[in-house]
Amino acid sequence: MKMQEKSILTDCLESIKHAAERYQEAAFEADHDHVRDTLQDIMIDRVEQQAAVFSLMHQMGLYSTPEANGERVNEVLSLYRAEAEKMEARHRSVEGVHALPAKER
């Protein structure tokens, strides 16, 4: 029975993940604030559902994750912070270009 439960919950987890990704994509492409906000709200609901299914699977021993030591956690956080800083710098440079009058670009 445990294998059937794992199969069902894995399918559920993947389906919710896929739905969240599609809602996120639709929100990015929405041209109307109310539509975008609604799609983002639905996406957040799906992410929360995915977390709940993952938590259930983890508690049941159906989804194991290796424990990360503090050093590895800090390495991953540093990597993502560095990438976020690069993205922010690119964003600021693009904003600066658009702030210039057209003939100075």
Foldseek 3Di string as FASTA:
>chain_A
DVVVVLVVLVVVLVVLVVLLVVLQVVLVVDPDPVSNVVSNVVSVVSVVVSVVSVVVCVVVVSDDDDDDDPVVVVVVVVVVVVVVVVVVVVVVVVVVVVVDPPVVD
